[in-house]
Amino acid sequence: MHRRRLAGALVVLCLLTMARVAAAADDATLFRVFLKDGSSLSSYGEFARVGDRVVFSMPTSAGPNPPLHLVNINADQIDWDKTNRYTASARATHYLNTQADNDYAALSNEIAQTLNDVALTTDPARRLEIVERARKALAEWPPNHFNYRAAEVRQMLSMLDDAIADLRASSGGDKFALNFSAFVELPPLQEPMLPPPTPQEAIEQTLRAARLSDSAAERTSLLTAALGSLDHDAPSLPSAWLDTTRRATRSELDAEVATDRVYQNLTATTLAVAQRQSKAADVRGLEQLLQRIHERDAALGARRPDAVAALLTAVKTELDAARKLRLAQDRFELRKADFHKYRVEMTDPIDLFARLAPRLEDIKALAGSTPAALASIHSVVTQIVKKATAIVPPEELKTAHALLISAAQLADNAARIRREATLAGDMARAWDASSAAAGALLLEGRARSDMQALMRAPQPR
């Protein structure tokens, strides 16, 4: 009995598989984003929700392979209940029109193979296990595949249930058993599918998206796309609607371009003023400039929030720079007397080092150094170190002050090593003296440069 039932199930399965139709060739799916006013925008493929924004590709014309435009609108403007229902329906419809037949064929082949395996199996327990596993897979298939061909699956399940009962009875078990993989039928489509937009509807949706967008660049791009579609689809559009819409769209686009130009001019002139005031450390002037930006934006209707936000950020950056410069200038004024005193005190050590430079250059170049020149270097270095050590530099100049003393001491080392090299006739030591002399000149130049920079009035960046 159970073999006849399994054979019958196999025959029915083959007949059901042969009845499937060809899948649709077009894989593109048009979703819909419904707005709270009842209108909608077409989405070519699924949309993406990122935070409080919704992003999707919208066709700006009708027909196959339409031009697409990326749309980015506020999620608060969307009727999410209807949009989600339509999305579920669109997914189901797309699946049923494209992949369902192939998936069902694969399922049919899998079940057929399973039944064939049962026919070739002699162990009753193993036969029952195979059929029960097939029954479970078959019951779980419809809910995971948008309830496709549920009637045929239900028919197969009934036949498999009879076969399972027979197998249990033949193996000495209870013919009746609770089945925990009951078939659950999904509800029908939640939202009726809409046809693809006509050329006029596609243009109206493009214009609607432009008015919803809070990005000036996106509005301009969408309006430009709408004008292109009006020209491209003109033969299929109502003439009166075409003329009115074209004039209105051109007017909107011209207004957007004019507004862009006004805000670009506001940005350019304001930044030029801000940079001048920043260099002059005019903190009050920059604070007033920020207020004037808000006033000017309000007078223009606050139509470019992104541009104004960027401008405010740039001016605030200049304001921060002006405050830092003003702080540095005020500090310099407080320290100017100490810097002047230090500059006067360091005149002799710096002048003395200048006297060493020609002799150090001779050591550096291995051009010859007389005993008197070497003795003079030692004498001058002693004076420099004595005078510099007696001077207490301002806190800011301690590093440069120590660098000058180090330069003098390195100059004395250069003279000593040159003397040793001369007495020993050692060329390698002569080169060591050259390196020491070069280092002394480098350190002195760095110390003098740092002192000058630190004692100079702060300059704008």
Protein backbone atom coordinates (compact mmCIF):
# COMPACT_ATOMS: atom_id res chain seq x y z
CA MET A 1 0.00 0.00 0.00
CA HIS A 2 2.66 2.50 1.02
CA ARG A 3 4.64 1.80 -2.16
CA ARG A 4 1.54 2.57 -4.29
CA ARG A 5 0.97 5.81 -2.37
CA LEU A 6 4.61 6.88 -2.85
CA ALA A 7 4.45 6.03 -6.54
CA GLY A 8 1.26 8.06 -6.86
CA ALA A 9 2.89 11.01 -5.13
CA LEU A 10 5.80 10.80 -7.55
CA VAL A 11 3.45 10.86 -10.56
CA VAL A 12 1.50 13.84 -9.20
CA LEU A 13 4.74 15.68 -8.48
CA CYS A 14 5.96 15.18 -12.04
CA LEU A 15 2.66 16.45 -13.46
CA LEU A 16 2.77 19.54 -11.23
CA THR A 17 6.35 20.27 -12.20
CA MET A 18 5.56 20.07 -15.93
CA ALA A 19 2.78 22.64 -15.45
CA ARG A 20 5.08 25.48 -14.42
CA VAL A 21 5.34 28.53 -16.70
CA ALA A 22 8.38 30.42 -17.92
CA ALA A 23 9.82 33.02 -15.60
CA ALA A 24 9.58 36.67 -16.50
CA ALA A 25 12.60 38.05 -18.29
CA ASP A 26 12.65 41.46 -16.66
CA ASP A 27 14.28 41.35 -13.22
CA ALA A 28 13.86 45.05 -12.49
CA THR A 29 11.48 45.84 -9.63
CA LEU A 30 9.79 49.18 -9.14
CA PHE A 31 9.06 49.87 -5.50
CA ARG A 32 7.06 52.83 -4.24
CA VAL A 33 7.79 55.33 -1.48
CA PHE A 34 4.42 56.71 -0.35
CA LEU A 35 4.28 60.23 1.05
CA LYS A 36 1.96 61.44 3.79
CA ASP A 37 -0.03 63.50 1.27
CA GLY A 38 -1.02 60.29 -0.54
CA SER A 39 1.31 60.69 -3.51
CA SER A 40 4.27 58.41 -4.17
CA LEU A 41 7.75 58.26 -5.70
CA SER A 42 9.02 55.29 -7.71
CA SER A 43 12.14 53.53 -6.47
CA TYR A 44 14.15 51.49 -8.97
CA GLY A 45 15.11 48.66 -6.65
CA GLU A 46 14.77 48.85 -2.88
CA PHE A 47 15.29 52.05 -0.92
CA ALA A 48 17.69 52.42 2.02
CA ARG A 49 16.82 54.09 5.31
CA VAL A 50 19.86 55.69 6.98
CA GLY A 51 19.04 57.45 10.25
CA ASP A 52 16.43 60.10 9.46
CA ARG A 53 17.05 59.95 5.70
CA VAL A 54 15.71 57.73 2.93
CA VAL A 55 17.85 57.19 -0.16
CA PHE A 56 16.77 55.52 -3.40
CA SER A 57 17.21 55.60 -7.17
CA MET A 58 14.21 57.14 -8.91
CA PRO A 59 13.52 56.83 -12.65
CA THR A 60 13.08 60.29 -14.20
CA SER A 61 11.47 58.94 -17.36
CA ALA A 62 9.28 56.02 -18.44
CA GLY A 63 10.13 52.97 -20.51
CA PRO A 64 12.86 50.33 -20.32
CA ASN A 65 16.26 51.29 -18.88
CA PRO A 66 15.12 54.76 -17.73
CA PRO A 67 17.63 57.34 -16.50
CA LEU A 68 17.96 57.17 -12.71
CA HIS A 69 18.50 59.91 -10.17
CA LEU A 70 19.61 59.39 -6.57
CA VAL A 71 17.02 60.91 -4.23
CA ASN A 72 17.65 61.72 -0.57
CA ILE A 73 14.64 62.89 1.46
CA ASN A 74 13.59 63.18 5.10
CA ALA A 75 12.04 60.01 6.52
CA ASP A 76 9.41 62.08 8.36
CA GLN A 77 7.70 62.87 5.04
CA ILE A 78 6.93 59.20 4.33
CA ASP A 79 3.83 57.13 5.08
CA TRP A 80 5.72 54.16 6.43
CA ASP A 81 2.75 51.83 6.96
CA LYS A 82 1.70 51.96 3.33
CA THR A 83 5.29 52.01 2.05
CA ASN A 84 6.18 48.88 4.04
CA ARG A 85 3.05 47.08 2.88
CA TYR A 86 3.79 47.92 -0.73
CA THR A 87 7.41 46.85 -0.32
CA ALA A 88 6.30 43.42 0.93
CA SER A 89 3.89 43.08 -2.00
CA ALA A 90 6.55 44.19 -4.50
CA ARG A 91 9.03 41.66 -3.17
CA ALA A 92 6.46 38.88 -3.40
CA THR A 93 5.37 39.89 -6.91
CA HIS A 94 8.95 40.12 -8.12
CA TYR A 95 9.74 36.70 -6.70
CA LEU A 96 6.64 35.10 -8.20
CA ASN A 97 7.41 36.60 -11.61
CA THR A 98 11.10 35.72 -11.70
CA GLN A 99 12.49 33.07 -9.36
CA ALA A 100 9.48 31.14 -8.07
CA ASP A 101 9.26 28.65 -10.95
CA ASN A 102 12.94 27.80 -10.76
CA ASP A 103 12.80 27.33 -6.99
CA TYR A 104 9.69 25.18 -7.25
CA ALA A 105 11.32 23.05 -9.93
CA ALA A 106 14.33 22.54 -7.65
CA LEU A 107 12.00 21.56 -4.80
CA SER A 108 10.13 19.16 -7.07
CA ASN A 109 13.36 17.53 -8.20
CA GLU A 110 14.52 17.20 -4.61
CA ILE A 111 11.26 15.58 -3.49
CA ALA A 112 11.21 13.31 -6.53
CA GLN A 113 14.72 12.14 -5.75
CA THR A 114 13.68 11.54 -2.15
CA LEU A 115 10.71 9.41 -3.20
CA ASN A 116 12.92 7.48 -5.56
CA ASP A 117 15.33 6.83 -2.71
CA VAL A 118 12.43 5.52 -0.63
CA ALA A 119 11.46 3.11 -3.37
CA LEU A 120 14.98 1.70 -3.44
CA THR A 121 15.27 1.40 0.36
CA THR A 122 14.32 -1.89 2.02
CA ASP A 123 14.69 -0.88 5.67
CA PRO A 124 11.21 0.26 6.90
CA ALA A 125 12.59 2.56 9.59
CA ARG A 126 14.97 4.20 7.13
CA ARG A 127 12.13 4.58 4.60
CA LEU A 128 9.97 6.31 7.20
CA GLU A 129 12.81 8.63 8.19
CA ILE A 130 13.36 9.70 4.56
CA VAL A 131 9.67 10.42 3.92
CA GLU A 132 9.22 12.35 7.19
CA ARG A 133 12.24 14.52 6.38
CA ALA A 134 10.83 15.20 2.90
CA ARG A 135 7.44 16.03 4.44
CA LYS A 136 9.02 18.55 6.82
CA ALA A 137 10.98 20.27 4.01
CA LEU A 138 7.84 20.45 1.87
CA ALA A 139 5.75 21.96 4.69
CA GLU A 140 8.35 24.64 5.40
CA TRP A 141 8.78 25.63 1.76
CA PRO A 142 5.65 27.79 1.06
CA PRO A 143 6.05 30.26 3.98
CA ASN A 144 9.64 30.88 2.91
CA HIS A 145 8.71 31.36 -0.76
CA PHE A 146 5.77 33.78 -0.61
CA ASN A 147 3.24 30.88 -0.51
CA TYR A 148 3.95 30.00 -4.14
CA ARG A 149 1.86 27.08 -5.49
CA ALA A 150 0.45 26.41 -2.05
CA ALA A 151 -2.41 24.25 -3.37
CA GLU A 152 -0.03 21.83 -5.12
CA VAL A 153 2.19 21.68 -2.04
CA ARG A 154 -0.83 21.00 0.15
CA GLN A 155 -1.85 18.16 -2.17
CA MET A 156 1.65 16.67 -1.95
CA LEU A 157 1.64 17.01 1.84
CA SER A 158 -1.65 15.08 2.03
CA MET A 159 -0.26 12.25 -0.06
CA LEU A 160 2.95 12.14 1.99
CA ASP A 161 0.91 12.08 5.20
CA ASP A 162 -0.96 9.00 3.92
CA ALA A 163 2.31 7.36 2.96
CA ILE A 164 3.82 8.11 6.37
CA ALA A 165 0.77 6.60 8.09
CA ASP A 166 1.11 3.43 6.01
CA LEU A 167 4.85 3.19 6.71
CA ARG A 168 4.25 3.55 10.43
CA ALA A 169 1.55 0.90 10.37
CA SER A 170 3.68 -1.56 8.38
CA SER A 171 6.55 -1.12 10.83
CA GLY A 172 4.28 -1.93 13.78
CA GLY A 173 3.97 1.64 15.04
CA ASP A 174 0.96 3.82 15.66
CA LYS A 175 -0.65 4.85 12.41
CA PHE A 176 -1.66 8.21 13.87
CA ALA A 177 0.83 10.80 15.14
CA LEU A 178 0.84 14.49 15.83
CA ASN A 179 2.65 16.41 13.08
CA PHE A 180 4.48 19.51 14.25
CA SER A 181 5.30 20.87 10.78
CA ALA A 182 1.79 22.00 9.93
CA PHE A 183 1.32 24.01 6.77
CA VAL A 184 0.68 27.73 7.35
CA GLU A 185 -0.75 29.73 4.50
CA LEU A 186 0.48 33.31 4.15
CA PRO A 187 -2.00 36.18 3.68
CA PRO A 188 -2.50 37.59 0.17
CA LEU A 189 -0.64 40.66 -1.09
CA GLN A 190 -0.97 43.48 1.44
CA GLU A 191 -1.02 46.37 -1.05
CA PRO A 192 -2.17 46.30 -4.68
CA MET A 193 0.66 46.78 -7.16
CA LEU A 194 0.66 49.92 -9.25
CA PRO A 195 1.59 49.97 -12.94
CA PRO A 196 4.90 51.56 -14.01
CA PRO A 197 4.65 55.37 -14.19
CA THR A 198 3.73 56.95 -17.50
CA PRO A 199 6.09 59.59 -18.95
CA GLN A 200 3.93 62.33 -17.42
CA GLU A 201 3.83 60.60 -14.03
CA ALA A 202 7.61 60.07 -14.05
CA ILE A 203 8.17 63.78 -14.68
CA GLU A 204 5.66 64.74 -11.98
CA GLN A 205 7.46 62.45 -9.53
CA THR A 206 10.81 64.06 -10.43
CA LEU A 207 9.40 67.51 -9.75
CA ARG A 208 7.81 66.27 -6.51
CA ALA A 209 11.16 64.87 -5.36
CA ALA A 210 12.83 68.20 -6.18
CA ARG A 211 10.38 70.07 -3.94
CA LEU A 212 10.88 67.55 -1.13
CA SER A 213 14.67 67.72 -1.21
CA ASP A 214 16.40 70.01 1.28
CA SER A 215 19.62 70.01 -0.77
CA ALA A 216 19.98 72.86 -3.26
CA ALA A 217 22.33 70.84 -5.46
CA GLU A 218 19.88 67.93 -5.56
CA ARG A 219 16.95 70.22 -6.35
CA THR A 220 18.86 71.79 -9.23
CA SER A 221 19.86 68.37 -10.54
CA LEU A 222 16.30 67.02 -10.34
CA LEU A 223 14.83 70.09 -12.04
CA THR A 224 17.42 69.77 -14.80
CA ALA A 225 16.53 66.08 -15.20
CA ALA A 226 12.83 66.97 -15.39
CA LEU A 227 13.50 69.49 -18.17
CA GLY A 228 15.45 66.83 -20.06
CA SER A 229 12.56 64.37 -19.73
CA LEU A 230 10.07 67.03 -20.86
CA ASP A 231 12.06 67.50 -24.04
CA HIS A 232 12.68 63.77 -24.57
CA ASP A 233 9.09 62.68 -23.98
CA ALA A 234 7.41 65.73 -25.54
CA PRO A 235 5.64 63.76 -28.33
CA SER A 236 3.79 61.58 -25.78
CA LEU A 237 2.85 64.37 -23.36
CA PRO A 238 -0.32 66.51 -23.38
CA SER A 239 0.67 69.75 -25.11
CA ALA A 240 -1.00 72.12 -22.65
CA TRP A 241 0.48 70.30 -19.66
CA LEU A 242 3.87 70.18 -21.39
CA ASP A 243 3.99 73.95 -22.00
CA THR A 244 2.81 74.86 -18.50
CA THR A 245 5.11 72.41 -16.77
CA ARG A 246 8.13 73.38 -18.86
CA ARG A 247 7.66 77.09 -18.06
CA ALA A 248 7.16 76.41 -14.36
CA THR A 249 10.17 74.07 -14.18
CA ARG A 250 12.40 76.51 -16.03
CA SER A 251 11.29 79.27 -13.67
CA GLU A 252 12.06 77.12 -10.63
CA LEU A 253 15.46 76.18 -12.02
CA ASP A 254 16.33 79.80 -12.81
CA ALA A 255 15.33 80.78 -9.28
CA GLU A 256 17.56 78.05 -7.81
CA VAL A 257 20.52 79.17 -9.95
CA ALA A 258 19.97 82.81 -9.01
CA THR A 259 19.78 81.92 -5.33
CA ASP A 260 22.99 79.90 -5.63
CA ARG A 261 24.69 82.91 -7.17
CA VAL A 262 23.56 85.20 -4.36
CA TYR A 263 24.79 82.84 -1.66
CA GLN A 264 28.08 82.24 -3.49
CA ASN A 265 28.64 85.99 -3.59
CA LEU A 266 27.73 86.26 0.11
CA THR A 267 30.26 83.54 0.92
CA ALA A 268 33.06 85.08 -1.15
CA THR A 269 32.67 88.64 0.17
CA THR A 270 32.16 87.53 3.76
CA LEU A 271 35.23 85.29 3.78
CA ALA A 272 37.38 88.09 2.35
CA VAL A 273 36.26 90.41 5.17
CA ALA A 274 36.72 87.66 7.76
CA GLN A 275 40.29 86.98 6.65
CA ARG A 276 41.21 90.67 6.84
CA GLN A 277 39.68 91.00 10.29
CA SER A 278 41.39 87.81 11.46
CA LYS A 279 44.81 89.14 10.40
CA ALA A 280 44.07 92.34 12.28
CA ALA A 281 42.98 90.32 15.36
CA ASP A 282 39.64 92.16 15.15
CA VAL A 283 37.61 89.89 17.44
CA ARG A 284 34.67 92.29 17.78
CA GLY A 285 34.48 92.78 14.04
CA LEU A 286 34.31 89.05 13.44
CA GLU A 287 31.59 88.62 16.05
CA GLN A 288 29.55 91.31 14.29
CA LEU A 289 30.23 89.59 10.96
CA LEU A 290 28.67 86.37 12.27
CA GLN A 291 25.56 88.28 13.25
CA ARG A 292 25.37 89.92 9.81
CA ILE A 293 25.49 86.46 8.16
CA HIS A 294 22.40 85.38 10.11
CA GLU A 295 20.63 88.63 9.22
CA ARG A 296 21.49 88.38 5.53
CA ASP A 297 20.42 84.72 5.38
CA ALA A 298 17.08 85.55 7.00
CA ALA A 299 16.54 88.35 4.48
CA LEU A 300 17.16 85.85 1.65
CA GLY A 301 14.64 83.42 3.10
CA ALA A 302 17.17 81.01 4.65
CA ARG A 303 17.22 79.05 1.39
CA ARG A 304 20.72 77.60 1.58
CA PRO A 305 21.24 76.15 5.09
CA ASP A 306 24.21 74.03 4.02
CA ALA A 307 26.03 76.98 2.46
CA VAL A 308 25.34 79.18 5.48
CA ALA A 309 26.47 76.47 7.90
CA ALA A 310 29.75 76.11 5.98
CA LEU A 311 30.22 79.88 5.91
CA LEU A 312 29.56 80.20 9.65
CA THR A 313 32.09 77.45 10.34
CA ALA A 314 34.71 79.19 8.21
CA VAL A 315 34.15 82.55 9.92
CA LYS A 316 34.25 80.93 13.37
CA THR A 317 37.60 79.42 12.40
CA GLU A 318 38.85 82.92 11.56
CA LEU A 319 37.42 84.16 14.87
CA ASP A 320 39.35 81.49 16.78
CA ALA A 321 42.53 82.49 14.94
CA ALA A 322 41.90 86.16 15.74
CA ARG A 323 41.43 85.38 19.43
CA LYS A 324 44.66 83.38 19.52
CA LEU A 325 46.52 86.17 17.75
CA ARG A 326 45.07 88.78 20.10
CA LEU A 327 46.12 86.68 23.11
CA ALA A 328 49.64 86.33 21.72
CA GLN A 329 49.86 90.06 20.99
CA ASP A 330 48.66 90.97 24.48
CA ARG A 331 51.18 88.58 25.99
CA PHE A 332 53.95 90.09 23.89
CA GLU A 333 53.06 93.54 25.11
CA LEU A 334 53.29 92.33 28.69
CA ARG A 335 56.68 90.70 28.03
CA LYS A 336 58.13 93.31 25.69
CA ALA A 337 60.14 95.09 28.40
CA ASP A 338 61.76 91.82 29.52
CA PHE A 339 62.57 90.91 25.92
CA HIS A 340 64.17 94.31 25.32
CA LYS A 341 66.28 93.99 28.47
CA TYR A 342 67.45 90.53 27.41
CA ARG A 343 68.24 91.69 23.88
CA VAL A 344 70.49 94.45 25.24
CA GLU A 345 72.22 92.09 27.68
CA MET A 346 72.92 89.52 24.95
CA THR A 347 74.44 92.01 22.54
CA ASP A 348 78.02 91.31 23.72
CA PRO A 349 77.85 87.46 23.70
CA ILE A 350 76.29 87.46 20.22
CA ASP A 351 78.82 89.99 18.87
CA LEU A 352 81.67 87.98 20.37
CA PHE A 353 80.44 84.84 18.64
CA ALA A 354 80.32 86.74 15.36
CA ARG A 355 84.09 87.36 15.81
CA LEU A 356 84.61 83.59 16.05
CA ALA A 357 82.85 82.79 12.80
CA PRO A 358 85.79 83.37 10.36
CA ARG A 359 88.14 81.26 12.47
CA LEU A 360 85.59 78.47 12.84
CA GLU A 361 85.10 78.55 9.08
CA ASP A 362 88.86 77.98 8.65
CA ILE A 363 88.70 74.93 10.95
CA LYS A 364 85.64 73.65 9.15
CA ALA A 365 87.30 73.97 5.73
CA LEU A 366 90.69 72.63 7.02
CA ALA A 367 92.14 75.86 5.63
CA GLY A 368 94.72 76.26 8.41
CA SER A 369 94.58 77.70 11.91
CA THR A 370 97.50 79.56 13.53
CA PRO A 371 98.31 79.07 17.22
CA ALA A 372 97.13 82.65 17.81
CA ALA A 373 93.80 81.93 16.13
CA LEU A 374 93.26 78.82 18.21
CA ALA A 375 94.16 80.68 21.42
CA SER A 376 91.84 83.52 20.43
CA ILE A 377 88.93 81.08 20.01
CA HIS A 378 89.47 79.76 23.54
CA SER A 379 89.68 83.29 24.96
CA VAL A 380 86.52 84.52 23.20
CA VAL A 381 84.57 81.39 24.15
CA THR A 382 85.50 81.92 27.79
CA GLN A 383 84.08 85.48 27.62
CA ILE A 384 80.91 84.32 25.87
CA VAL A 385 80.19 81.57 28.40
CA LYS A 386 80.96 83.88 31.35
CA LYS A 387 78.72 86.70 30.10
CA ALA A 388 75.87 84.41 28.93
CA THR A 389 75.89 82.39 32.14
CA ALA A 390 75.50 85.57 34.16
CA ILE A 391 72.36 86.54 32.25
CA VAL A 392 68.97 85.17 33.35
CA PRO A 393 66.87 84.75 30.19
CA PRO A 394 63.08 85.08 30.09
CA GLU A 395 61.27 81.75 30.42
CA GLU A 396 60.45 81.63 26.70
CA LEU A 397 64.14 82.06 25.75
CA LYS A 398 65.79 79.54 28.08
CA THR A 399 66.16 76.87 25.40
CA ALA A 400 67.65 79.27 22.83
CA HIS A 401 69.94 80.74 25.52
CA ALA A 402 71.26 77.27 26.45
CA LEU A 403 71.73 76.50 22.77
CA LEU A 404 74.02 79.53 22.35
CA ILE A 405 76.17 78.45 25.32
CA SER A 406 76.40 74.94 23.85
CA ALA A 407 77.47 76.42 20.51
CA ALA A 408 80.28 78.34 22.25
CA GLN A 409 81.47 75.25 24.09
CA LEU A 410 81.45 73.24 20.85
CA ALA A 411 83.55 75.99 19.23
CA ASP A 412 86.13 75.63 22.04
CA ASN A 413 86.18 71.85 21.42
CA ALA A 414 86.75 72.44 17.72
CA ALA A 415 89.79 74.61 18.49
CA ARG A 416 91.19 72.07 20.98
CA ILE A 417 90.75 69.13 18.57
CA ARG A 418 92.32 71.15 15.74
CA ARG A 419 95.34 71.83 17.96
CA GLU A 420 95.67 68.11 18.77
CA ALA A 421 95.35 67.17 15.08
CA THR A 422 98.01 69.71 14.12
CA LEU A 423 100.51 68.50 16.73
CA ALA A 424 99.94 64.86 15.78
CA GLY A 425 99.66 65.42 12.06
CA ASP A 426 96.43 63.39 12.27
CA MET A 427 94.09 64.04 9.33
CA ALA A 428 91.24 62.08 10.88
CA ARG A 429 91.31 64.31 13.96
CA ALA A 430 91.43 67.35 11.70
CA TRP A 431 88.14 66.19 10.18
CA ASP A 432 86.73 65.73 13.70
CA ALA A 433 87.64 69.36 14.39
CA SER A 434 85.93 70.34 11.14
CA SER A 435 82.71 68.61 12.21
CA ALA A 436 82.83 70.31 15.63
CA ALA A 437 83.31 73.73 14.02
CA ALA A 438 80.41 73.12 11.62
CA GLY A 439 78.21 72.07 14.55
CA ALA A 440 79.14 75.19 16.53
CA LEU A 441 78.23 77.46 13.62
CA LEU A 442 74.95 75.59 13.08
CA LEU A 443 73.92 75.75 16.75
CA GLU A 444 74.77 79.46 17.03
CA GLY A 445 72.72 80.24 13.92
CA ARG A 446 69.77 78.26 15.28
CA ALA A 447 70.01 79.95 18.70
CA ARG A 448 70.12 83.43 17.18
CA SER A 449 67.19 82.64 14.83
CA ASP A 450 65.07 81.29 17.70
CA MET A 451 65.81 84.35 19.84
CA GLN A 452 64.75 86.68 17.05
CA ALA A 453 61.52 84.76 16.42
CA LEU A 454 60.58 84.61 20.09
CA MET A 455 61.23 88.32 20.68
CA ARG A 456 59.33 89.38 17.55
CA ALA A 457 55.77 90.68 17.80
CA PRO A 458 53.25 87.90 16.88
CA GLN A 459 52.19 87.94 13.22
CA PRO A 460 48.95 86.64 11.66
CA ARG A 461 49.16 83.23 10.07
